Amino acid sequence: MCRMILYAIVICFFISEIANAQEDISSHLGYVEVESLDAFEAQDVTVDVSIGQLMLKQVAERVRSKNEKVWEALSDLKLVRVHTLSVGEIAMRMDKVARYLDAMGWEITVQSWKKRERVSIYFQKEADDIIGLFAMVHDRKAGTLTLVNVVGVIQVDKMGTVGRELEVEAFGRIARLLPGYKPPVSHIAHHRLGSWKAHIPPFSNIWRIDHEDFLVRYNRVDGVFIGWRLPLKYRSSRGVAHYGEVGYGFGSNRWDYQAGAEFFTFSGASKDNIAGLGFELHGLTNTQDNWRIDEMENSIFAFLLRRDFRDYYRREGASTYIFRDFDRMVEVRAQVGVDVFESMPNSVSWNLFGDRWGSRMNFRPNPEIEAGQMRGVMGTLQLDSRASRRSRQGWRLMAQAEKAGGILGGDFDFERYILDVRRYQYAGRGTQLNLRVRAGTGRGHVPVQFLYRLGGPSSLRGYGLNAYEGDRMVLFNAIYWVDGEAHFRDDWPLDDVGIGVFFDAGKFADGEPVGTRVVTSAGFGLKTDNLRVFFARPLDANDPVDWRVWVRFRRAF
C-alpha cells in the first residue's frame, strides 16, 4: 500500500512538472500559440516538429565537445515548433498573423520576397535579449505555409548551426537571411591567377566554394577541356594547405596544370581572420576577361552557338604570395611571379547546332599577343560587404596594382592599375539598383594582352564585342530592376519575370589621357531566375542606331 502511494506521489509530481513547464511556455513572451490564431481553422494546424527543453538539452550535451558556442545556443532554448500548412489564401493569412504579432510587440526583422518564396521573420525582445523568433515561409511553388517558433534566449548568428544539429530543414531557409549565418562547409576555395577571388560573404563573410570535382569547359582555343581540381581547404587553425588542378584540352592538345601550397594561420578560434604565405607552379590557358563573363557561362555560348566572348593566351610560370584576410570581408594580397606568355590559335570550329539557329558564323580568331617572359609584382585589395553573392545590398571593391620589369628584368616593362567599385542597393519592395565604376590605366608599353577593351556583354551593351581598345579606360554601368511579382504582387500578370532599364557610359584612350568623348548606350532587360535578356542601343548621334540583344545566364555584374 505504501509503495502504491509512493508511485502515485511520483506520478503526480511528474504530471505537475509537465503541466508547470507547459504553463511556463504558454505564458512565455516568445511563444506563439498558432492553434489559437484566428487566421487558421483548428483542423488546419498540425505540428510537424516539436522539440522541448529536455530534448534540446540532450542535443546540446551531444555537441558540447565539438562546439562550445553551439552548446550554449542550444542550452538557452526552451522550445522549437514547426507547422507546415497547405491552405488557401496564404497571403491574407500571413497578413492576419503579422497584425497579431505587431499587436503583441513582435518586431519584424527580415522580409524577403523572391520568385517562389516569401519569408517574414519576427523577433520578440526583452531588455537586450532576443527571447523569441517567429518566421513565416510561403513556398509559392508548393503552395504551403511553414511557421517556425523558437522560444528562449536566441543567439541569432547560431541559428543555422542549431537547425542542422536539430535536423530541422525549415531552419535553413530562415537562417540564411539572418545576420552571421555561415553555410555548413567552412573552407575557402582557390581561384587562379589574379582573377577576382569571388566570395559570398553573409553578414560575417564566407567564400564561394569550388567542389572537388571534374572540370569541364569548352572554348575556341582548348576545344573540349576535361580536368580535375583539388580546392584549397583549411582543415585546422594553422598548418599547410594544398591545392591544384590538372586537365587536358582536346583541341589544343595541351595539358593544364596548377600546384600550390599555403602556410597559413588563423587569428583566434574562428576562420574569420587568416594570414598565409603561398607558392605555386602553373601552366594554364589564361584570360583577362573574367570580369565580363565567367568560364561556365562562356562555355555554354561557345558550345551551343559558337560564341566565345573571351580572349586567351598561354601562361606558364611560378609565383609566391602573402595575404591577410580580415573577417572574410577584406583581403590584402601581394604577389611576385615569373611567367612566360605565348599566343594560342583557334583549334576548333564545332558547336552543338552546327550551322543552324543563328550559329552560322565561325568562331572569331583568337588575337595574337606579345610573347615573352614577364617578371612582376602585384598587389590587390578586395572588399565585399554583401550578405550573399546575389544580395540586394552592399559594396564590392577591387583595387589592383601591377608592375613588370624594371629591376626585376624580363621582356616587359610597364605598370597597370585597375579599380572596380560596385554598389548593390535595395530600392524598395521588389526593386534593386546596381551601380559599377571600373577604371584602368597603364604606364610604359602595356602588352596587347593587358589592354582594356570596352563593348559587349557586361560592358557597353549597345556596341559590339571589344569595339574600343586602349591602355586607359573608364566604364560606368547602372541597372534598375523591378521584380514584378514581388513589387506589384497580385497585379503582375507574368510569374517569375522581372523588368529593368540600364545605362552604360565609357571613355577610352590609347597612349593618351582618356579623351572627352563619352560613349553611351542604354536599353531595357527582362529576367527570370536563370536567364536575362538585354536589348541595347547606342545613344551617340555619330553611331548607327542598331539594337543589340545580349542573353545572359547570370547577372551582368
Protein backbone atom coordinates (compact mmCIF):
# COMPACT_ATOMS: atom_id res chain seq x y z
CA MET A 1 0.00 0.00 0.00
CA CYS A 2 2.82 2.39 0.89
CA ARG A 3 4.54 1.55 -2.40
CA MET A 4 1.38 2.41 -4.37
CA ILE A 5 1.11 5.71 -2.51
CA LEU A 6 4.72 6.43 -3.31
CA TYR A 7 4.15 5.66 -7.02
CA ALA A 8 1.10 7.92 -7.01
CA ILE A 9 3.10 10.75 -5.47
CA VAL A 10 5.86 10.35 -8.07
CA ILE A 11 3.35 10.28 -10.95
CA CYS A 12 1.57 13.35 -9.61
CA PHE A 13 4.90 15.09 -9.27
CA PHE A 14 5.81 14.45 -12.91
CA ILE A 15 2.38 15.44 -14.12
CA SER A 16 2.67 18.64 -12.10
CA GLU A 17 6.12 19.37 -13.51
CA ILE A 18 4.94 18.78 -17.08
CA ALA A 19 1.91 20.99 -16.51
CA ASN A 20 4.07 23.70 -14.98
CA ALA A 21 6.51 23.51 -17.91
CA GLN A 22 3.64 23.77 -20.37
CA GLU A 23 2.22 26.67 -18.43
CA ASP A 24 5.62 28.40 -18.41
CA ILE A 25 5.97 28.01 -22.17
CA SER A 26 2.43 29.14 -22.98
CA SER A 27 2.94 32.29 -20.95
CA HIS A 28 6.38 32.98 -22.38
CA LEU A 29 6.57 36.20 -24.41
CA GLY A 30 8.41 34.38 -27.18
CA TYR A 31 5.74 31.70 -27.63
CA VAL A 32 3.04 31.95 -30.31
CA GLU A 33 0.12 29.54 -29.98
CA VAL A 34 -0.60 29.04 -33.66
CA GLU A 35 -3.62 26.85 -32.98
CA SER A 36 -5.47 29.78 -31.39
CA LEU A 37 -4.81 32.35 -34.12
CA ASP A 38 -7.95 33.42 -35.99
CA ALA A 39 -6.01 33.21 -39.27
CA PHE A 40 -6.43 29.42 -39.22
CA GLU A 41 -9.09 26.84 -38.56
CA ALA A 42 -8.38 24.25 -35.88
CA GLN A 43 -8.24 21.44 -38.42
CA ASP A 44 -5.63 23.33 -40.49
CA VAL A 45 -2.94 23.28 -37.84
CA THR A 46 -0.79 20.26 -37.17
CA VAL A 47 2.61 20.18 -35.52
CA ASP A 48 5.33 18.76 -37.77
CA VAL A 49 8.18 19.28 -35.30
CA SER A 50 8.00 19.99 -31.56
CA ILE A 51 11.25 19.84 -29.60
CA GLY A 52 11.01 20.65 -25.91
CA GLN A 53 13.60 21.81 -23.44
CA LEU A 54 14.58 18.31 -22.31
CA MET A 55 15.41 17.17 -25.85
CA LEU A 56 17.17 20.47 -26.60
CA LYS A 57 19.44 19.96 -23.62
CA GLN A 58 20.24 16.40 -24.72
CA VAL A 59 21.24 17.65 -28.18
CA ALA A 60 23.26 20.42 -26.55
CA GLU A 61 25.24 17.94 -24.47
CA ARG A 62 25.91 15.87 -27.57
CA VAL A 63 27.60 18.78 -29.35
CA ARG A 64 29.32 20.29 -26.32
CA SER A 65 32.65 18.66 -27.01
CA LYS A 66 32.57 19.74 -30.67
CA ASN A 67 31.42 23.34 -30.38
CA GLU A 68 31.08 25.18 -27.08
CA LYS A 69 29.27 28.13 -28.66
CA VAL A 70 26.59 25.96 -30.26
CA TRP A 71 26.17 24.16 -26.94
CA GLU A 72 25.47 27.50 -25.29
CA ALA A 73 23.00 28.47 -28.00
CA LEU A 74 21.07 25.21 -27.65
CA SER A 75 21.12 25.30 -23.85
CA ASP A 76 19.34 28.67 -23.81
CA LEU A 77 16.38 27.43 -25.89
CA LYS A 78 13.11 26.19 -24.41
CA LEU A 79 11.02 25.11 -27.40
CA VAL A 80 11.19 24.71 -31.18
CA ARG A 81 7.92 24.18 -33.10
CA VAL A 82 7.34 23.88 -36.84
CA HIS A 83 3.96 23.79 -38.61
CA THR A 84 3.60 23.22 -42.36
CA LEU A 85 0.12 24.09 -43.64
CA SER A 86 -1.49 23.51 -47.02
CA VAL A 87 -4.21 26.14 -47.02
CA GLY A 88 -5.69 28.69 -49.39
CA GLU A 89 -5.39 32.47 -49.32
CA ILE A 90 -1.93 32.27 -47.79
CA ALA A 91 -1.06 35.94 -48.34
CA MET A 92 -4.23 37.01 -46.49
CA ARG A 93 -3.46 34.64 -43.61
CA MET A 94 0.12 35.91 -43.35
CA ASP A 95 -1.18 39.48 -43.11
CA LYS A 96 -3.51 38.46 -40.27
CA VAL A 97 -0.67 36.81 -38.38
CA ALA A 98 1.51 39.86 -38.98
CA ARG A 99 -1.10 42.16 -37.46
CA TYR A 100 -1.37 39.87 -34.42
CA LEU A 101 2.40 39.79 -33.92
CA ASP A 102 2.61 43.55 -34.25
CA ALA A 103 -0.07 43.99 -31.60
CA MET A 104 1.84 41.64 -29.28
CA GLY A 105 5.04 43.64 -29.55
CA TRP A 106 6.95 41.50 -32.03
CA GLU A 107 9.37 43.34 -34.34
CA ILE A 108 9.74 42.39 -37.99
CA THR A 109 13.41 41.86 -38.73
CA VAL A 110 13.55 40.38 -42.21
CA GLN A 111 11.04 40.42 -45.04
CA SER A 112 12.24 38.70 -48.21
CA TRP A 113 10.35 38.44 -51.49
CA LYS A 114 11.77 36.04 -54.03
CA LYS A 115 10.39 34.41 -57.14
CA ARG A 116 8.89 31.40 -55.45
CA GLU A 117 9.24 32.25 -51.79
CA ARG A 118 8.16 34.90 -49.30
CA VAL A 119 9.79 34.93 -45.87
CA SER A 120 8.91 37.10 -42.86
CA ILE A 121 10.95 36.83 -39.64
CA TYR A 122 9.94 38.44 -36.34
CA PHE A 123 11.83 38.85 -33.05
CA GLN A 124 10.46 39.29 -29.54
CA LYS A 125 12.86 41.17 -27.28
CA GLU A 126 13.24 41.59 -23.54
CA ALA A 127 15.84 44.12 -22.44
CA ASP A 128 18.89 43.34 -24.61
CA ASP A 129 17.97 39.70 -25.28
CA ILE A 130 16.04 38.17 -28.14
CA ILE A 131 13.67 35.76 -26.40
CA GLY A 132 11.53 34.63 -29.31
CA LEU A 133 11.71 34.07 -33.06
CA PHE A 134 8.69 33.54 -35.29
CA ALA A 135 9.00 33.02 -39.03
CA MET A 136 6.54 32.52 -41.86
CA VAL A 137 7.75 30.92 -45.10
CA HIS A 138 5.37 30.89 -48.06
CA ASP A 139 6.55 28.43 -50.73
CA ARG A 140 4.54 29.52 -53.76
CA LYS A 141 5.56 26.57 -55.90
CA ALA A 142 4.44 24.00 -53.33
CA GLY A 143 1.51 26.12 -52.10
CA THR A 144 2.49 25.68 -48.46
CA LEU A 145 2.97 27.94 -45.46
CA THR A 146 5.60 26.96 -42.89
CA LEU A 147 5.52 28.54 -39.43
CA VAL A 148 8.55 28.31 -37.14
CA ASN A 149 8.56 29.39 -33.49
CA VAL A 150 11.73 29.32 -31.40
CA VAL A 151 11.35 30.14 -27.70
CA GLY A 152 14.17 31.05 -25.33
CA VAL A 153 17.22 33.29 -25.37
CA ILE A 154 18.25 33.23 -29.03
CA GLN A 155 21.73 33.69 -30.45
CA VAL A 156 20.78 34.76 -33.94
CA ASP A 157 24.12 34.02 -35.57
CA LYS A 158 23.96 30.38 -34.41
CA MET A 159 20.51 29.57 -35.83
CA GLY A 160 21.87 27.90 -38.96
CA THR A 161 24.05 25.53 -36.96
CA VAL A 162 21.29 24.91 -34.41
CA GLY A 163 18.92 23.92 -37.21
CA ARG A 164 21.44 21.46 -38.63
CA GLU A 165 22.02 19.88 -35.21
CA LEU A 166 18.27 19.52 -34.68
CA GLU A 167 17.79 18.30 -38.28
CA VAL A 168 15.02 20.85 -38.87
CA GLU A 169 15.06 21.64 -42.59
CA ALA A 170 12.97 24.79 -42.24
CA PHE A 171 15.77 26.42 -40.27
CA GLY A 172 17.96 26.58 -43.35
CA ARG A 173 15.51 28.72 -45.29
CA ILE A 174 15.30 31.16 -42.39
CA ALA A 175 18.84 31.19 -41.05
CA ARG A 176 20.45 32.21 -44.34
CA LEU A 177 18.62 35.55 -44.07
CA LEU A 178 19.83 36.24 -40.54
CA PRO A 179 22.99 38.15 -39.55
CA GLY A 180 26.03 35.96 -39.03
CA TYR A 181 24.79 32.95 -41.00
CA LYS A 182 27.52 30.61 -42.21
CA PRO A 183 26.99 27.68 -44.59
CA PRO A 184 27.71 24.18 -43.31
CA VAL A 185 31.08 23.90 -45.06
CA SER A 186 33.66 26.38 -43.79
CA HIS A 187 36.58 26.27 -46.13
CA ILE A 188 37.98 28.67 -48.68
CA ALA A 189 38.27 27.88 -52.35
CA HIS A 190 41.21 28.91 -54.50
CA HIS A 191 40.70 30.93 -57.67
CA ARG A 192 43.55 31.08 -60.04
CA LEU A 193 45.96 33.71 -61.35
CA GLY A 194 44.81 37.08 -60.23
CA SER A 195 41.12 36.75 -61.05
CA TRP A 196 38.71 38.37 -58.62
CA LYS A 197 38.52 35.96 -55.70
CA ALA A 198 34.75 35.66 -55.76
CA HIS A 199 33.47 35.42 -52.22
CA ILE A 200 29.97 35.30 -50.87
CA PRO A 201 30.04 36.99 -47.54
CA PRO A 202 26.98 36.87 -45.36
CA PHE A 203 26.93 39.41 -42.54
CA SER A 204 30.12 37.71 -41.41
CA ASN A 205 31.52 36.71 -44.75
CA ILE A 206 32.30 33.32 -46.29
CA TRP A 207 33.92 32.43 -49.58
CA ARG A 208 32.36 30.73 -52.57
CA ILE A 209 33.11 27.02 -52.56
CA ASP A 210 34.52 25.11 -55.53
CA HIS A 211 33.70 21.43 -55.14
CA GLU A 212 36.25 18.69 -55.57
CA ASP A 213 35.04 17.53 -58.94
CA PHE A 214 35.82 17.25 -62.61
CA LEU A 215 36.43 20.41 -64.63
CA VAL A 216 34.61 20.70 -67.93
CA ARG A 217 34.70 23.67 -70.29
CA TYR A 218 34.65 24.48 -74.00
CA ASN A 219 36.25 27.35 -75.88
CA ARG A 220 37.78 28.07 -79.26
CA VAL A 221 41.43 27.53 -78.24
CA ASP A 222 41.20 24.46 -75.98
CA GLY A 223 38.16 22.82 -77.51
CA VAL A 224 36.65 20.37 -75.03
CA PHE A 225 38.63 20.54 -71.80
CA ILE A 226 38.29 17.91 -69.07
CA GLY A 227 40.17 18.01 -65.81
CA TRP A 228 40.11 17.68 -62.06
CA ARG A 229 40.55 20.27 -59.29
CA LEU A 230 41.71 19.95 -55.72
CA PRO A 231 40.34 23.08 -54.00
CA LEU A 232 42.16 24.87 -51.26
CA LYS A 233 40.78 23.86 -47.84
CA TYR A 234 41.81 24.92 -44.37
CA ARG A 235 41.15 21.96 -42.08
CA SER A 236 42.76 23.31 -38.91
CA SER A 237 43.68 26.60 -37.28
CA ARG A 238 47.19 26.55 -38.74
CA GLY A 239 49.35 24.39 -40.96
CA VAL A 240 49.86 23.70 -44.65
CA ALA A 241 47.04 23.55 -47.22
CA HIS A 242 47.38 22.21 -50.76
CA TYR A 243 45.51 22.98 -53.96
CA GLY A 244 45.84 22.29 -57.66
CA GLU A 245 44.25 21.18 -60.86
CA VAL A 246 45.14 19.18 -63.92
CA GLY A 247 43.30 18.77 -67.21
CA TYR A 248 43.62 18.25 -70.95
CA GLY A 249 42.37 20.34 -73.89
CA PHE A 250 41.42 18.03 -76.75
CA GLY A 251 41.56 20.87 -79.28
CA SER A 252 44.84 22.45 -78.22
CA ASN A 253 46.36 19.05 -77.32
CA ARG A 254 47.80 20.60 -74.19
CA TRP A 255 47.79 19.81 -70.50
CA ASP A 256 46.85 22.49 -68.00
CA TYR A 257 48.29 22.19 -64.53
CA GLN A 258 48.47 24.10 -61.29
CA ALA A 259 50.05 23.04 -58.00
CA GLY A 260 50.35 25.14 -54.88
CA ALA A 261 50.72 25.14 -51.13
CA GLU A 262 49.96 27.66 -48.41
CA PHE A 263 51.39 28.02 -44.93
CA PHE A 264 48.52 29.59 -43.00
CA THR A 265 47.34 30.56 -39.55
CA PHE A 266 44.04 31.80 -38.18
CA SER A 267 43.64 34.60 -35.67
CA GLY A 268 41.51 33.25 -32.83
CA ALA A 269 39.30 30.17 -32.84
CA SER A 270 37.24 31.04 -35.93
CA LYS A 271 38.13 31.18 -39.60
CA ASP A 272 37.22 34.85 -39.90
CA ASN A 273 40.83 36.11 -39.90
CA ILE A 274 43.64 34.35 -41.70
CA ALA A 275 47.17 35.11 -42.86
CA GLY A 276 49.27 32.99 -45.17
CA LEU A 277 52.29 32.53 -47.41
CA GLY A 278 51.87 30.57 -50.64
CA PHE A 279 53.85 29.11 -53.53
CA GLU A 280 52.53 27.99 -56.88
CA LEU A 281 53.55 26.43 -60.22
CA HIS A 282 51.20 26.70 -63.20
CA GLY A 283 50.76 26.23 -66.92
CA LEU A 284 47.30 27.44 -67.93
CA THR A 285 45.09 28.91 -70.60
CA ASN A 286 44.57 32.39 -69.18
CA THR A 287 42.32 35.37 -69.94
CA GLN A 288 41.77 38.95 -68.79
CA ASP A 289 38.00 38.71 -69.37
CA ASN A 290 36.80 37.08 -66.14
CA TRP A 291 35.20 40.38 -65.11
CA ARG A 292 32.92 40.24 -68.18
CA ILE A 293 31.72 36.65 -68.20
CA ASP A 294 32.72 33.59 -66.23
CA GLU A 295 34.11 30.37 -67.61
CA MET A 296 30.96 28.25 -67.34
CA GLU A 297 28.61 30.78 -68.91
CA ASN A 298 31.04 31.43 -71.76
CA SER A 299 31.37 27.67 -72.35
CA ILE A 300 27.61 27.40 -72.78
CA PHE A 301 27.56 30.05 -75.52
CA ALA A 302 30.58 28.53 -77.25
CA PHE A 303 29.17 25.01 -77.09
CA LEU A 304 25.67 25.93 -78.26
CA LEU A 305 26.08 28.87 -80.62
CA ARG A 306 29.79 29.24 -81.44
CA ARG A 307 30.04 32.49 -79.48
CA ASP A 308 33.21 32.86 -77.42
CA PHE A 309 33.34 36.23 -75.63
CA ARG A 310 36.80 35.81 -74.07
CA ASP A 311 40.35 36.14 -75.47
CA TYR A 312 43.08 33.74 -74.38
CA TYR A 313 46.82 33.25 -74.08
CA ARG A 314 49.14 30.65 -72.61
CA ARG A 315 50.77 31.43 -69.27
CA GLU A 316 53.41 29.21 -67.67
CA GLY A 317 55.47 30.03 -64.62
CA ALA A 318 55.61 30.28 -60.85
CA SER A 319 54.66 32.74 -58.13
CA THR A 320 54.86 33.32 -54.42
CA TYR A 321 52.43 35.42 -52.44
CA ILE A 322 51.42 36.58 -48.98
CA PHE A 323 47.91 37.56 -47.90
CA ARG A 324 45.90 38.73 -44.93
CA ASP A 325 42.15 38.18 -44.67
CA PHE A 326 40.18 40.36 -42.24
CA ASP A 327 36.81 38.95 -41.12
CA ARG A 328 36.38 37.40 -44.58
CA MET A 329 35.31 40.82 -45.77
CA VAL A 330 38.65 42.45 -46.62
CA GLU A 331 41.64 40.75 -48.17
CA VAL A 332 45.08 42.22 -48.88
CA ARG A 333 47.44 40.25 -51.13
CA ALA A 334 50.93 40.77 -52.57
CA GLN A 335 52.44 38.50 -55.23
CA VAL A 336 55.74 38.09 -57.06
CA GLY A 337 55.76 35.99 -60.20
CA VAL A 338 57.68 34.90 -63.28
CA ASP A 339 55.62 33.89 -66.32
CA VAL A 340 56.18 33.08 -69.96
CA PHE A 341 53.42 34.15 -72.37
CA GLU A 342 52.60 32.80 -75.80
CA SER A 343 49.73 33.09 -78.24
CA MET A 344 47.08 30.42 -78.69
CA PRO A 345 45.35 29.96 -82.07
CA ASN A 346 41.83 28.68 -82.62
CA SER A 347 41.79 24.90 -82.53
CA VAL A 348 38.09 24.05 -83.05
CA SER A 349 35.07 25.29 -85.02
CA TRP A 350 32.42 22.83 -83.82
CA ASN A 351 29.25 23.65 -81.93
CA LEU A 352 26.16 21.68 -80.96
CA PHE A 353 23.75 23.14 -83.51
CA GLY A 354 26.15 23.29 -86.44
CA ASP A 355 25.10 25.99 -88.91
CA ARG A 356 21.54 26.25 -87.65
CA TRP A 357 19.71 28.57 -85.27
CA GLY A 358 21.85 31.66 -85.68
CA SER A 359 25.21 29.90 -85.35
CA ARG A 360 26.37 30.08 -88.97
CA MET A 361 29.37 32.33 -88.32
CA ASN A 362 32.65 30.76 -87.26
CA PHE A 363 34.45 31.50 -84.03
CA ARG A 364 36.28 34.83 -84.29
CA PRO A 365 40.08 34.38 -84.36
CA ASN A 366 41.81 34.47 -81.01
CA PRO A 367 44.10 37.54 -81.17
CA GLU A 368 47.89 37.32 -81.18
CA ILE A 369 49.62 38.53 -78.03
CA GLU A 370 53.11 39.85 -77.30
CA ALA A 371 55.05 36.77 -76.33
CA GLY A 372 57.91 36.78 -73.84
CA GLN A 373 58.87 36.45 -70.22
CA MET A 374 57.32 38.72 -67.60
CA ARG A 375 58.73 39.24 -64.12
CA GLY A 376 56.48 41.32 -61.95
CA VAL A 377 54.87 42.16 -58.65
CA MET A 378 51.17 42.70 -57.99
CA GLY A 379 49.20 43.99 -55.03
CA THR A 380 45.45 43.50 -54.59
CA LEU A 381 42.90 44.85 -52.15
CA GLN A 382 39.40 43.32 -52.11
CA LEU A 383 36.35 44.20 -50.06
CA ASP A 384 32.89 42.66 -50.09
CA SER A 385 30.22 43.66 -47.57
CA ARG A 386 27.27 41.90 -49.21
CA ALA A 387 25.18 39.31 -47.42
CA SER A 388 25.46 36.88 -50.36
CA ARG A 389 26.59 36.83 -53.97
CA ARG A 390 23.02 37.65 -55.02
CA SER A 391 22.49 40.06 -52.16
CA ARG A 392 20.28 43.10 -52.56
CA GLN A 393 22.61 45.45 -50.71
CA GLY A 394 26.28 46.04 -50.09
CA TRP A 395 29.62 47.15 -51.52
CA ARG A 396 32.15 45.24 -53.56
CA LEU A 397 35.55 46.73 -54.34
CA MET A 398 38.72 45.52 -56.02
CA ALA A 399 41.88 47.63 -56.42
CA GLN A 400 44.91 46.16 -58.15
CA ALA A 401 48.38 47.50 -58.99
CA GLU A 402 50.87 45.58 -61.14
CA LYS A 403 54.48 46.36 -62.04
CA ALA A 404 56.56 44.39 -64.57
CA GLY A 405 60.20 44.81 -65.50
CA GLY A 406 62.47 47.45 -64.06
CA ILE A 407 64.92 45.96 -61.58
CA LEU A 408 63.13 42.61 -61.95
CA GLY A 409 64.14 42.27 -65.60
CA GLY A 410 62.18 40.30 -68.18
CA ASP A 411 60.87 41.24 -71.62
CA PHE A 412 58.16 43.67 -70.41
CA ASP A 413 58.37 46.99 -68.62
CA PHE A 414 55.06 48.58 -67.66
CA GLU A 415 52.70 49.47 -64.83
CA ARG A 416 48.99 48.78 -64.70
CA TYR A 417 46.27 49.87 -62.25
CA ILE A 418 42.64 48.69 -62.02
CA LEU A 419 39.83 49.88 -59.75
CA ASP A 420 36.41 48.23 -59.72
CA VAL A 421 33.74 49.57 -57.33
CA ARG A 422 30.19 48.18 -57.22
CA ARG A 423 27.15 49.10 -55.18
CA TYR A 424 24.12 46.84 -54.83
CA GLN A 425 21.27 48.87 -53.39
CA TYR A 426 17.86 47.69 -52.26
CA ALA A 427 15.49 50.37 -53.56
CA GLY A 428 12.15 49.31 -52.09
CA ARG A 429 9.84 46.35 -52.33
CA GLY A 430 10.92 44.15 -55.21
CA THR A 431 13.35 46.73 -56.64
CA GLN A 432 17.12 46.80 -56.95
CA LEU A 433 19.61 49.41 -58.20
CA ASN A 434 23.07 48.13 -59.17
CA LEU A 435 25.95 50.51 -59.97
CA ARG A 436 29.51 49.89 -61.12
CA VAL A 437 32.52 52.06 -61.89
CA ARG A 438 35.52 50.30 -63.41
CA ALA A 439 38.67 52.21 -64.34
CA GLY A 440 42.06 51.15 -65.64
CA THR A 441 45.25 52.89 -66.62
CA GLY A 442 48.76 51.94 -67.65
CA ARG A 443 52.25 53.41 -67.90
CA GLY A 444 55.00 52.32 -70.24
CA HIS A 445 54.35 49.87 -73.06
CA VAL A 446 51.37 47.78 -71.95
CA PRO A 447 51.33 44.44 -73.85
CA VAL A 448 48.32 43.90 -76.07
CA GLN A 449 47.03 41.07 -73.87
CA PHE A 450 46.72 43.56 -70.97
CA LEU A 451 44.97 46.38 -72.84
CA TYR A 452 41.46 47.39 -71.76
CA ARG A 453 38.54 46.64 -74.04
CA LEU A 454 35.01 48.05 -73.98
CA GLY A 455 31.92 46.83 -75.78
CA GLY A 456 29.72 43.79 -75.46
CA PRO A 457 28.22 41.92 -72.50
CA SER A 458 28.84 43.41 -69.04
CA SER A 459 30.38 46.46 -70.69
CA LEU A 460 28.91 48.86 -73.29
CA ARG A 461 25.95 46.72 -74.29
CA GLY A 462 24.91 48.94 -77.22
CA TYR A 463 28.16 48.14 -79.04
CA GLY A 464 29.82 45.07 -80.46
CA LEU A 465 32.29 42.94 -78.58
CA ASN A 466 35.59 44.78 -77.91
CA ALA A 467 34.53 47.76 -80.02
CA TYR A 468 37.04 50.01 -78.24
CA GLU A 469 40.56 49.25 -77.02
CA GLY A 470 43.23 51.23 -75.20
CA ASP A 471 45.64 51.42 -72.29
CA ARG A 472 43.26 53.69 -70.35
CA MET A 473 39.55 53.40 -69.79
CA VAL A 474 36.67 54.33 -67.51
CA LEU A 475 33.36 52.43 -67.50
CA PHE A 476 30.11 53.20 -65.70
CA ASN A 477 27.11 50.83 -65.57
CA ALA A 478 23.74 51.32 -63.89
CA ILE A 479 20.76 48.99 -63.95
CA TYR A 480 17.45 49.25 -62.14
CA TRP A 481 15.47 46.03 -61.76
CA VAL A 482 11.85 45.60 -60.75
CA ASP A 483 10.76 42.16 -59.65
CA GLY A 484 7.21 42.31 -60.98
CA GLU A 485 5.76 39.60 -58.77
CA ALA A 486 7.28 40.99 -55.57
CA HIS A 487 6.63 44.65 -56.36
CA PHE A 488 3.14 44.52 -57.89
CA ARG A 489 2.08 41.25 -56.20
CA ASP A 490 -1.29 40.07 -57.50
CA ASP A 491 -1.45 42.83 -60.15
CA TRP A 492 1.53 41.44 -62.05
CA PRO A 493 0.47 39.04 -64.86
CA LEU A 494 3.85 37.40 -65.59
CA ASP A 495 5.01 34.91 -62.98
CA ASP A 496 8.74 34.94 -62.20
CA VAL A 497 9.52 37.73 -64.68
CA GLY A 498 11.27 41.00 -63.79
CA ILE A 499 11.90 44.06 -65.90
CA GLY A 500 14.77 46.54 -65.85
CA VAL A 501 16.33 49.55 -67.51
CA PHE A 502 20.05 50.21 -67.80
CA PHE A 503 22.59 52.84 -68.85
CA ASP A 504 26.25 52.36 -69.82
CA ALA A 505 28.93 55.01 -70.35
CA GLY A 506 32.62 54.69 -71.13
CA LYS A 507 35.80 56.54 -72.09
CA PHE A 508 38.92 55.04 -73.60
CA ALA A 509 42.32 56.11 -74.92
CA ASP A 510 45.41 54.57 -76.48
CA GLY A 511 48.63 56.22 -75.34
CA GLU A 512 46.92 59.48 -74.42
CA PRO A 513 44.87 60.64 -71.42
CA VAL A 514 41.27 59.47 -71.56
CA GLY A 515 39.54 61.79 -74.02
CA THR A 516 36.48 63.96 -73.55
CA ARG A 517 34.11 61.91 -75.67
CA VAL A 518 31.84 59.68 -73.65
CA VAL A 519 30.44 56.61 -75.41
CA THR A 520 26.99 55.72 -74.10
CA SER A 521 24.30 53.10 -74.55
CA ALA A 522 21.02 52.27 -72.88
CA GLY A 523 18.14 49.83 -73.08
CA PHE A 524 15.90 47.50 -71.16
CA GLY A 525 16.02 43.94 -69.93
CA LEU A 526 13.89 41.00 -68.89
CA LYS A 527 14.91 38.40 -66.35
CA THR A 528 13.79 35.19 -64.73
CA ASP A 529 15.57 33.09 -62.12
CA ASN A 530 18.29 31.87 -64.50
CA LEU A 531 18.01 33.99 -67.64
CA ARG A 532 18.50 37.65 -68.51
CA VAL A 533 17.90 39.25 -71.91
CA PHE A 534 19.19 42.77 -72.62
CA PHE A 535 18.04 44.95 -75.53
CA ALA A 536 20.55 47.77 -76.02
CA ARG A 537 21.27 50.60 -78.46
CA PRO A 538 23.90 53.36 -78.70
CA LEU A 539 22.93 56.86 -77.63
CA ASP A 540 25.63 58.68 -79.61
CA ALA A 541 24.45 60.62 -82.65
CA ASN A 542 27.55 59.58 -84.65
CA ASP A 543 26.95 55.86 -84.17
CA PRO A 544 24.45 53.69 -86.08
CA VAL A 545 21.22 53.24 -84.14
CA ASP A 546 21.16 49.45 -84.12
CA TRP A 547 19.59 47.39 -81.38
CA ARG A 548 21.72 44.59 -79.97
CA VAL A 549 20.45 41.64 -77.97
CA TRP A 550 22.56 40.01 -75.28
CA VAL A 551 21.45 36.87 -73.47
CA ARG A 552 22.97 36.08 -70.07
CA PHE A 553 22.57 33.23 -67.60
CA ARG A 554 23.95 35.29 -64.72
CA ARG A 555 23.69 38.91 -63.75
CA ALA A 556 25.86 41.38 -65.63
CA PHE A 557 27.89 42.41 -62.58
